[in-house]
Amino acid sequence: MQLVDRGRDRLDQDEGDLLNAGGDREREFVDRASS
């Protein structure tokens, strides 16, 4: 059980880092797609 919780925490953290790093790129992509 403890291992699963630890894995979940790590996944959330990695996902957050990816979202922060890709936020600008994603915004740029959305701008391009909408124009």
N, C-alpha and C. Protein backbone atom coordinates (compact mmCIF):
# COMPACT_ATOMS: atom_id res chain seq x y z
N MET A 1 0.83 -1.20 0.00
CA MET A 1 0.00 0.00 0.00
C MET A 1 0.87 1.26 0.00
N GLN A 2 1.91 1.25 0.84
CA GLN A 2 2.79 2.41 0.93
C GLN A 2 3.49 2.69 -0.40
N LEU A 3 3.89 1.61 -1.07
CA LEU A 3 4.58 1.74 -2.35
C LEU A 3 3.67 2.40 -3.39
N VAL A 4 2.40 1.99 -3.39
CA VAL A 4 1.44 2.54 -4.35
C VAL A 4 1.26 4.03 -4.11
N ASP A 5 1.12 4.42 -2.84
CA ASP A 5 0.95 5.84 -2.52
C ASP A 5 2.15 6.65 -2.96
N ARG A 6 3.34 6.10 -2.72
CA ARG A 6 4.56 6.81 -3.10
C ARG A 6 4.63 6.98 -4.61
N GLY A 7 4.23 5.93 -5.34
CA GLY A 7 4.23 6.00 -6.80
C GLY A 7 3.25 7.04 -7.30
N ARG A 8 2.10 7.13 -6.63
CA ARG A 8 1.08 8.09 -7.02
C ARG A 8 1.60 9.52 -6.82
N ASP A 9 2.26 9.74 -5.68
CA ASP A 9 2.81 11.07 -5.40
C ASP A 9 3.82 11.45 -6.47
N ARG A 10 4.67 10.51 -6.84
CA ARG A 10 5.70 10.79 -7.83
C ARG A 10 5.06 11.10 -9.18
N LEU A 11 4.02 10.38 -9.53
CA LEU A 11 3.32 10.61 -10.79
C LEU A 11 2.73 12.02 -10.81
N ASP A 12 2.07 12.41 -9.72
CA ASP A 12 1.47 13.74 -9.64
C ASP A 12 2.54 14.81 -9.80
N GLN A 13 3.68 14.61 -9.15
CA GLN A 13 4.75 15.60 -9.21
C GLN A 13 5.30 15.70 -10.63
N ASP A 14 5.53 14.56 -11.27
CA ASP A 14 6.05 14.56 -12.64
C ASP A 14 5.05 15.23 -13.57
N GLU A 15 3.78 14.94 -13.39
CA GLU A 15 2.76 15.52 -14.24
C GLU A 15 2.74 17.04 -14.06
N GLY A 16 2.86 17.48 -12.82
CA GLY A 16 2.88 18.92 -12.56
C GLY A 16 4.07 19.59 -13.22
N ASP A 17 5.24 18.94 -13.14
CA ASP A 17 6.43 19.50 -13.78
C ASP A 17 6.24 19.59 -15.28
N LEU A 18 5.66 18.55 -15.86
CA LEU A 18 5.44 18.55 -17.31
C LEU A 18 4.46 19.66 -17.71
N LEU A 19 3.41 19.83 -16.93
CA LEU A 19 2.44 20.87 -17.24
C LEU A 19 3.08 22.24 -17.16
N ASN A 20 3.91 22.46 -16.13
CA ASN A 20 4.58 23.75 -15.98
C ASN A 20 5.53 24.00 -17.15
N ALA A 21 6.29 22.97 -17.52
CA ALA A 21 7.27 23.11 -18.59
C ALA A 21 6.59 23.28 -19.94
N GLY A 22 5.48 22.58 -20.16
CA GLY A 22 4.81 22.60 -21.45
C GLY A 22 3.72 23.65 -21.56
N GLY A 23 3.49 24.41 -20.51
CA GLY A 23 2.40 25.38 -20.52
C GLY A 23 2.53 26.40 -21.64
N ASP A 24 3.71 26.98 -21.78
CA ASP A 24 3.92 27.99 -22.82
C ASP A 24 3.78 27.38 -24.21
N ARG A 25 4.38 26.21 -24.39
CA ARG A 25 4.30 25.54 -25.69
C ARG A 25 2.85 25.22 -26.03
N GLU A 26 2.11 24.75 -25.03
CA GLU A 26 0.73 24.37 -25.27
C GLU A 26 -0.09 25.61 -25.63
N ARG A 27 0.17 26.71 -24.95
CA ARG A 27 -0.56 27.94 -25.23
C ARG A 27 -0.27 28.40 -26.66
N GLU A 28 0.99 28.32 -27.04
CA GLU A 28 1.38 28.71 -28.40
C GLU A 28 0.67 27.84 -29.42
N PHE A 29 0.60 26.54 -29.14
CA PHE A 29 -0.05 25.59 -30.04
C PHE A 29 -1.54 25.93 -30.18
N VAL A 30 -2.17 26.24 -29.05
CA VAL A 30 -3.60 26.57 -29.06
C VAL A 30 -3.82 27.86 -29.85
N ASP A 31 -2.95 28.84 -29.66
CA ASP A 31 -3.08 30.09 -30.41
C ASP A 31 -3.00 29.83 -31.91
N ARG A 32 -2.05 28.98 -32.29
CA ARG A 32 -1.87 28.68 -33.71
C ARG A 32 -3.09 27.94 -34.26
N ALA A 33 -3.61 27.01 -33.48
CA ALA A 33 -4.72 26.19 -33.94
C ALA A 33 -6.00 27.02 -34.08
N SER A 34 -6.16 28.03 -33.25
CA SER A 34 -7.40 28.81 -33.26
C SER A 34 -7.38 29.90 -34.33
N SER A 35 -6.20 30.24 -34.84
CA SER A 35 -6.15 31.31 -35.85
C SER A 35 -6.23 30.75 -37.26
